[in-house]
Amino acid sequence: NYCSTHTEYFEIEAYFRKALKEIGLVLPIIEPNSRATIALLANDILRANDDAQLAQLANEIFHIVADLNYPEDLTGWYDISEMQDRLTYDTIPLPYRKKEIIQKIKEEARRVLARAK
């Protein structure tokens, strides 16, 4: 059951953070490093010529965004992931095709790099 597994994860995370606090440990702040990695991957996207490579790089960015708990300025990567999943797994006609997803990936990559400057 997804819901029970999802709930258990958050319960475990709460206990984990409480234990860290009790023993005086602090998790490192990963957001600056994660955003730098996203910028590098975005640069790779704009240089890539292969659609499969673009999709893989976008997937890598999505996983980093998920680890950061979906910051508002990076939610476009969540949308891209959803679009890719629907294109792969849905059996109903969709209002977009692979070409539109590739275009959206490149647009999001440009946004990331513009904010990084």
N, C-alpha and C. Protein backbone atom coordinates (compact mmCIF):
# COMPACT_ATOMS: atom_id res chain seq x y z
N ASN A 1 0.84 -1.19 0.00
CA ASN A 1 0.00 0.00 0.00
C ASN A 1 0.88 1.24 0.00
N TYR A 2 0.73 2.08 -1.00
CA TYR A 2 1.56 3.29 -1.12
C TYR A 2 1.39 4.22 0.07
N CYS A 3 0.16 4.44 0.49
CA CYS A 3 -0.09 5.40 1.57
C CYS A 3 0.60 4.99 2.85
N SER A 4 0.52 3.71 3.22
CA SER A 4 1.16 3.30 4.47
C SER A 4 2.67 3.38 4.35
N THR A 5 3.24 3.03 3.20
CA THR A 5 4.69 3.14 3.02
C THR A 5 5.11 4.60 3.07
N HIS A 6 4.35 5.45 2.42
CA HIS A 6 4.64 6.88 2.40
C HIS A 6 4.59 7.45 3.82
N THR A 7 3.60 7.09 4.59
CA THR A 7 3.48 7.56 5.97
C THR A 7 4.64 7.05 6.80
N GLU A 8 4.98 5.79 6.63
CA GLU A 8 6.09 5.22 7.40
C GLU A 8 7.39 5.96 7.12
N TYR A 9 7.62 6.34 5.88
CA TYR A 9 8.83 7.08 5.53
C TYR A 9 8.92 8.37 6.34
N PHE A 10 7.82 9.14 6.38
CA PHE A 10 7.84 10.41 7.09
C PHE A 10 7.98 10.20 8.60
N GLU A 11 7.39 9.13 9.11
CA GLU A 11 7.55 8.82 10.53
C GLU A 11 9.02 8.47 10.83
N ILE A 12 9.61 7.68 9.98
CA ILE A 12 11.01 7.29 10.16
C ILE A 12 11.91 8.52 10.06
N GLU A 13 11.63 9.38 9.08
CA GLU A 13 12.43 10.59 8.93
C GLU A 13 12.34 11.46 10.18
N ALA A 14 11.17 11.58 10.77
CA ALA A 14 11.00 12.39 11.99
C ALA A 14 11.83 11.81 13.13
N TYR A 15 11.79 10.50 13.29
CA TYR A 15 12.60 9.87 14.34
C TYR A 15 14.09 10.03 14.08
N PHE A 16 14.47 9.91 12.83
CA PHE A 16 15.87 10.07 12.45
C PHE A 16 16.37 11.47 12.80
N ARG A 17 15.61 12.50 12.42
CA ARG A 17 16.01 13.87 12.71
C ARG A 17 16.04 14.12 14.22
N LYS A 18 15.10 13.55 14.95
CA LYS A 18 15.08 13.70 16.41
C LYS A 18 16.33 13.05 17.03
N ALA A 19 16.70 11.87 16.54
CA ALA A 19 17.89 11.19 17.05
C ALA A 19 19.15 12.00 16.74
N LEU A 20 19.25 12.55 15.54
CA LEU A 20 20.40 13.39 15.19
C LEU A 20 20.51 14.58 16.13
N LYS A 21 19.38 15.21 16.40
CA LYS A 21 19.36 16.37 17.28
C LYS A 21 19.80 16.00 18.69
N GLU A 22 19.32 14.86 19.17
CA GLU A 22 19.66 14.41 20.53
C GLU A 22 21.15 14.13 20.69
N ILE A 23 21.79 13.65 19.63
CA ILE A 23 23.23 13.36 19.75
C ILE A 23 24.10 14.51 19.24
N GLY A 24 23.44 15.60 18.84
CA GLY A 24 24.17 16.80 18.47
C GLY A 24 24.73 16.83 17.06
N LEU A 25 24.16 16.04 16.17
CA LEU A 25 24.61 16.05 14.78
C LEU A 25 23.63 16.85 13.93
N VAL A 26 24.17 17.50 12.91
CA VAL A 26 23.36 18.28 11.99
C VAL A 26 23.62 17.77 10.59
N LEU A 27 22.53 17.57 9.85
CA LEU A 27 22.70 17.17 8.45
C LEU A 27 23.31 18.32 7.66
N PRO A 28 24.20 18.03 6.74
CA PRO A 28 24.78 19.11 5.94
C PRO A 28 23.72 19.76 5.05
N ILE A 29 23.92 21.01 4.76
CA ILE A 29 23.01 21.72 3.87
C ILE A 29 23.41 21.36 2.45
N ILE A 30 22.52 20.70 1.77
CA ILE A 30 22.87 20.21 0.43
C ILE A 30 22.35 21.09 -0.69
N GLU A 31 21.46 22.03 -0.39
CA GLU A 31 20.81 22.77 -1.48
C GLU A 31 21.80 23.51 -2.39
N PRO A 32 22.78 24.26 -1.87
CA PRO A 32 23.70 24.95 -2.80
C PRO A 32 24.43 23.98 -3.73
N ASN A 33 24.88 22.86 -3.19
CA ASN A 33 25.58 21.88 -4.02
C ASN A 33 24.62 21.23 -5.03
N SER A 34 23.41 20.97 -4.59
CA SER A 34 22.43 20.36 -5.47
C SER A 34 22.07 21.30 -6.62
N ARG A 35 21.92 22.58 -6.30
CA ARG A 35 21.60 23.55 -7.35
C ARG A 35 22.76 23.70 -8.34
N ALA A 36 23.98 23.62 -7.84
CA ALA A 36 25.14 23.67 -8.74
C ALA A 36 25.15 22.45 -9.66
N THR A 37 24.81 21.30 -9.13
CA THR A 37 24.74 20.09 -9.94
C THR A 37 23.64 20.21 -10.98
N ILE A 38 22.50 20.77 -10.58
CA ILE A 38 21.40 20.99 -11.54
C ILE A 38 21.87 21.91 -12.67
N ALA A 39 22.61 22.95 -12.34
CA ALA A 39 23.10 23.87 -13.36
C ALA A 39 24.05 23.14 -14.33
N LEU A 40 24.91 22.29 -13.81
CA LEU A 40 25.81 21.52 -14.68
C LEU A 40 25.02 20.60 -15.61
N LEU A 41 24.01 19.93 -15.05
CA LEU A 41 23.18 19.04 -15.86
C LEU A 41 22.39 19.84 -16.91
N ALA A 42 21.91 21.03 -16.52
CA ALA A 42 21.18 21.89 -17.46
C ALA A 42 22.09 22.29 -18.62
N ASN A 43 23.33 22.59 -18.32
CA ASN A 43 24.30 22.92 -19.37
C ASN A 43 24.50 21.72 -20.30
N ASP A 44 24.59 20.53 -19.72
CA ASP A 44 24.72 19.31 -20.54
C ASP A 44 23.50 19.12 -21.44
N ILE A 45 22.32 19.46 -20.92
CA ILE A 45 21.10 19.34 -21.72
C ILE A 45 21.19 20.21 -22.97
N LEU A 46 21.64 21.43 -22.79
CA LEU A 46 21.70 22.35 -23.93
C LEU A 46 22.77 21.97 -24.94
N ARG A 47 23.73 21.16 -24.54
CA ARG A 47 24.77 20.70 -25.46
C ARG A 47 24.47 19.34 -26.07
N ALA A 48 23.49 18.63 -25.50
CA ALA A 48 23.19 17.26 -25.96
C ALA A 48 22.46 17.28 -27.29
N ASN A 49 22.70 16.27 -28.09
CA ASN A 49 22.05 16.13 -29.39
C ASN A 49 21.08 14.95 -29.43
N ASP A 50 21.15 14.10 -28.46
CA ASP A 50 20.38 12.87 -28.45
C ASP A 50 19.18 13.01 -27.51
N ASP A 51 17.97 12.71 -28.00
CA ASP A 51 16.76 12.84 -27.19
C ASP A 51 16.78 11.94 -25.96
N ALA A 52 17.32 10.74 -26.11
CA ALA A 52 17.39 9.83 -24.96
C ALA A 52 18.30 10.40 -23.88
N GLN A 53 19.40 11.02 -24.29
CA GLN A 53 20.31 11.65 -23.33
C GLN A 53 19.62 12.82 -22.64
N LEU A 54 18.88 13.63 -23.39
CA LEU A 54 18.14 14.75 -22.80
C LEU A 54 17.16 14.24 -21.74
N ALA A 55 16.44 13.19 -22.07
CA ALA A 55 15.47 12.63 -21.13
C ALA A 55 16.16 12.11 -19.88
N GLN A 56 17.32 11.47 -20.04
CA GLN A 56 18.06 10.94 -18.88
C GLN A 56 18.57 12.08 -18.00
N LEU A 57 19.09 13.12 -18.59
CA LEU A 57 19.57 14.27 -17.82
C LEU A 57 18.41 14.94 -17.08
N ALA A 58 17.27 15.07 -17.74
CA ALA A 58 16.09 15.65 -17.10
C ALA A 58 15.65 14.79 -15.92
N ASN A 59 15.73 13.48 -16.08
CA ASN A 59 15.39 12.56 -14.99
C ASN A 59 16.34 12.73 -13.80
N GLU A 60 17.62 12.90 -14.08
CA GLU A 60 18.59 13.13 -13.01
C GLU A 60 18.26 14.43 -12.26
N ILE A 61 17.92 15.48 -13.00
CA ILE A 61 17.55 16.74 -12.36
C ILE A 61 16.30 16.55 -11.51
N PHE A 62 15.31 15.83 -12.05
CA PHE A 62 14.08 15.58 -11.29
C PHE A 62 14.38 14.94 -9.94
N HIS A 63 15.26 13.95 -9.91
CA HIS A 63 15.58 13.27 -8.65
C HIS A 63 16.25 14.22 -7.65
N ILE A 64 17.07 15.12 -8.14
CA ILE A 64 17.68 16.12 -7.25
C ILE A 64 16.61 17.06 -6.72
N VAL A 65 15.71 17.50 -7.59
CA VAL A 65 14.61 18.38 -7.18
C VAL A 65 13.75 17.68 -6.13
N ALA A 66 13.49 16.41 -6.31
CA ALA A 66 12.71 15.65 -5.33
C ALA A 66 13.44 15.61 -3.99
N ASP A 67 14.76 15.39 -4.02
CA ASP A 67 15.55 15.38 -2.77
C ASP A 67 15.49 16.73 -2.06
N LEU A 68 15.32 17.80 -2.82
CA LEU A 68 15.23 19.15 -2.24
C LEU A 68 13.80 19.49 -1.82
N ASN A 69 12.89 18.53 -1.94
CA ASN A 69 11.47 18.72 -1.60
C ASN A 69 10.77 19.72 -2.51
N TYR A 70 11.09 19.69 -3.78
CA TYR A 70 10.40 20.44 -4.83
C TYR A 70 10.32 21.95 -4.58
N PRO A 71 11.47 22.63 -4.58
CA PRO A 71 11.42 24.09 -4.46
C PRO A 71 10.57 24.68 -5.60
N GLU A 72 9.87 25.74 -5.29
CA GLU A 72 8.92 26.32 -6.25
C GLU A 72 9.57 26.67 -7.59
N ASP A 73 10.79 27.18 -7.56
CA ASP A 73 11.44 27.59 -8.81
C ASP A 73 11.91 26.41 -9.66
N LEU A 74 11.79 25.20 -9.14
CA LEU A 74 12.24 24.02 -9.88
C LEU A 74 11.11 23.04 -10.18
N THR A 75 9.86 23.45 -9.97
CA THR A 75 8.74 22.53 -10.17
C THR A 75 8.53 22.15 -11.63
N GLY A 76 9.11 22.90 -12.54
CA GLY A 76 9.02 22.52 -13.95
C GLY A 76 9.59 21.14 -14.21
N TRP A 77 10.59 20.75 -13.42
CA TRP A 77 11.19 19.42 -13.60
C TRP A 77 10.24 18.33 -13.15
N TYR A 78 9.41 18.61 -12.16
CA TYR A 78 8.36 17.66 -11.75
C TYR A 78 7.37 17.49 -12.91
N ASP A 79 6.96 18.61 -13.51
CA ASP A 79 6.02 18.57 -14.63
C ASP A 79 6.59 17.74 -15.78
N ILE A 80 7.86 17.94 -16.07
CA ILE A 80 8.51 17.18 -17.14
C ILE A 80 8.50 15.69 -16.83
N SER A 81 8.81 15.35 -15.60
CA SER A 81 8.81 13.94 -15.19
C SER A 81 7.43 13.32 -15.36
N GLU A 82 6.40 14.07 -14.96
CA GLU A 82 5.03 13.59 -15.12
C GLU A 82 4.69 13.41 -16.60
N MET A 83 5.09 14.36 -17.43
CA MET A 83 4.82 14.27 -18.86
C MET A 83 5.52 13.04 -19.47
N GLN A 84 6.77 12.82 -19.08
CA GLN A 84 7.51 11.67 -19.60
C GLN A 84 6.84 10.37 -19.17
N ASP A 85 6.44 10.29 -17.91
CA ASP A 85 5.78 9.08 -17.42
C ASP A 85 4.46 8.83 -18.15
N ARG A 86 3.68 9.88 -18.34
CA ARG A 86 2.40 9.72 -19.03
C ARG A 86 2.62 9.28 -20.48
N LEU A 87 3.62 9.87 -21.13
CA LEU A 87 3.89 9.49 -22.51
C LEU A 87 4.31 8.02 -22.60
N THR A 88 5.05 7.57 -21.61
CA THR A 88 5.53 6.19 -21.59
C THR A 88 4.44 5.19 -21.21
N TYR A 89 3.63 5.52 -20.21
CA TYR A 89 2.74 4.53 -19.62
C TYR A 89 1.25 4.70 -19.91
N ASP A 90 0.79 5.90 -20.23
CA ASP A 90 -0.64 6.09 -20.48
C ASP A 90 -1.06 5.46 -21.79
N THR A 91 -2.28 4.99 -21.82
CA THR A 91 -2.80 4.39 -23.04
C THR A 91 -3.80 5.32 -23.74
N ILE A 92 -4.11 6.44 -23.11
CA ILE A 92 -5.02 7.40 -23.73
C ILE A 92 -4.22 8.43 -24.52
N PRO A 93 -4.82 9.03 -25.54
CA PRO A 93 -4.12 10.07 -26.31
C PRO A 93 -3.81 11.28 -25.42
N LEU A 94 -2.63 11.83 -25.59
CA LEU A 94 -2.20 12.97 -24.78
C LEU A 94 -2.11 14.23 -25.65
N PRO A 95 -2.22 15.40 -25.01
CA PRO A 95 -2.18 16.65 -25.80
C PRO A 95 -0.75 17.07 -26.18
N TYR A 96 0.21 16.22 -25.95
CA TYR A 96 1.60 16.54 -26.29
C TYR A 96 2.31 15.28 -26.77
N ARG A 97 3.44 15.50 -27.40
CA ARG A 97 4.26 14.39 -27.90
C ARG A 97 5.68 14.57 -27.37
N LYS A 98 6.52 13.63 -27.74
CA LYS A 98 7.92 13.64 -27.30
C LYS A 98 8.59 14.97 -27.65
N LYS A 99 8.30 15.51 -28.81
CA LYS A 99 8.91 16.76 -29.27
C LYS A 99 8.63 17.91 -28.29
N GLU A 100 7.40 17.98 -27.79
CA GLU A 100 7.04 19.04 -26.84
C GLU A 100 7.75 18.85 -25.50
N ILE A 101 7.94 17.61 -25.10
CA ILE A 101 8.67 17.35 -23.85
C ILE A 101 10.12 17.79 -23.99
N ILE A 102 10.74 17.45 -25.12
CA ILE A 102 12.13 17.85 -25.36
C ILE A 102 12.25 19.37 -25.34
N GLN A 103 11.30 20.05 -25.95
CA GLN A 103 11.29 21.51 -25.95
C GLN A 103 11.18 22.06 -24.52
N LYS A 104 10.31 21.46 -23.72
CA LYS A 104 10.13 21.90 -22.33
C LYS A 104 11.40 21.65 -21.51
N ILE A 105 12.07 20.53 -21.75
CA ILE A 105 13.33 20.22 -21.06
C ILE A 105 14.35 21.32 -21.35
N LYS A 106 14.47 21.69 -22.61
CA LYS A 106 15.44 22.73 -22.99
C LYS A 106 15.06 24.08 -22.39
N GLU A 107 13.77 24.41 -22.37
CA GLU A 107 13.32 25.67 -21.76
C GLU A 107 13.65 25.72 -20.27
N GLU A 108 13.39 24.62 -19.57
CA GLU A 108 13.70 24.58 -18.13
C GLU A 108 15.20 24.67 -17.90
N ALA A 109 15.99 24.05 -18.75
CA ALA A 109 17.45 24.13 -18.63
C ALA A 109 17.90 25.58 -18.79
N ARG A 110 17.34 26.29 -19.76
CA ARG A 110 17.69 27.70 -19.96
C ARG A 110 17.30 28.54 -18.73
N ARG A 111 16.15 28.25 -18.14
CA ARG A 111 15.72 28.98 -16.93
C ARG A 111 16.70 28.77 -15.78
N VAL A 112 17.12 27.50 -15.61
CA VAL A 112 18.08 27.19 -14.54
C VAL A 112 19.35 27.99 -14.73
N LEU A 113 19.86 27.99 -15.95
CA LEU A 113 21.13 28.68 -16.21
C LEU A 113 20.98 30.19 -16.09
N ALA A 114 19.83 30.72 -16.47
CA ALA A 114 19.60 32.17 -16.34
C ALA A 114 19.57 32.58 -14.87
N ARG A 115 18.98 31.75 -14.02
CA ARG A 115 18.94 32.06 -12.58
C ARG A 115 20.29 31.87 -11.91
N ALA A 116 21.12 31.00 -12.48
CA ALA A 116 22.42 30.71 -11.89
C ALA A 116 23.43 31.84 -12.10
N LYS A 117 23.15 32.72 -13.05
CA LYS A 117 24.11 33.81 -13.37
C LYS A 117 24.07 34.89 -12.33
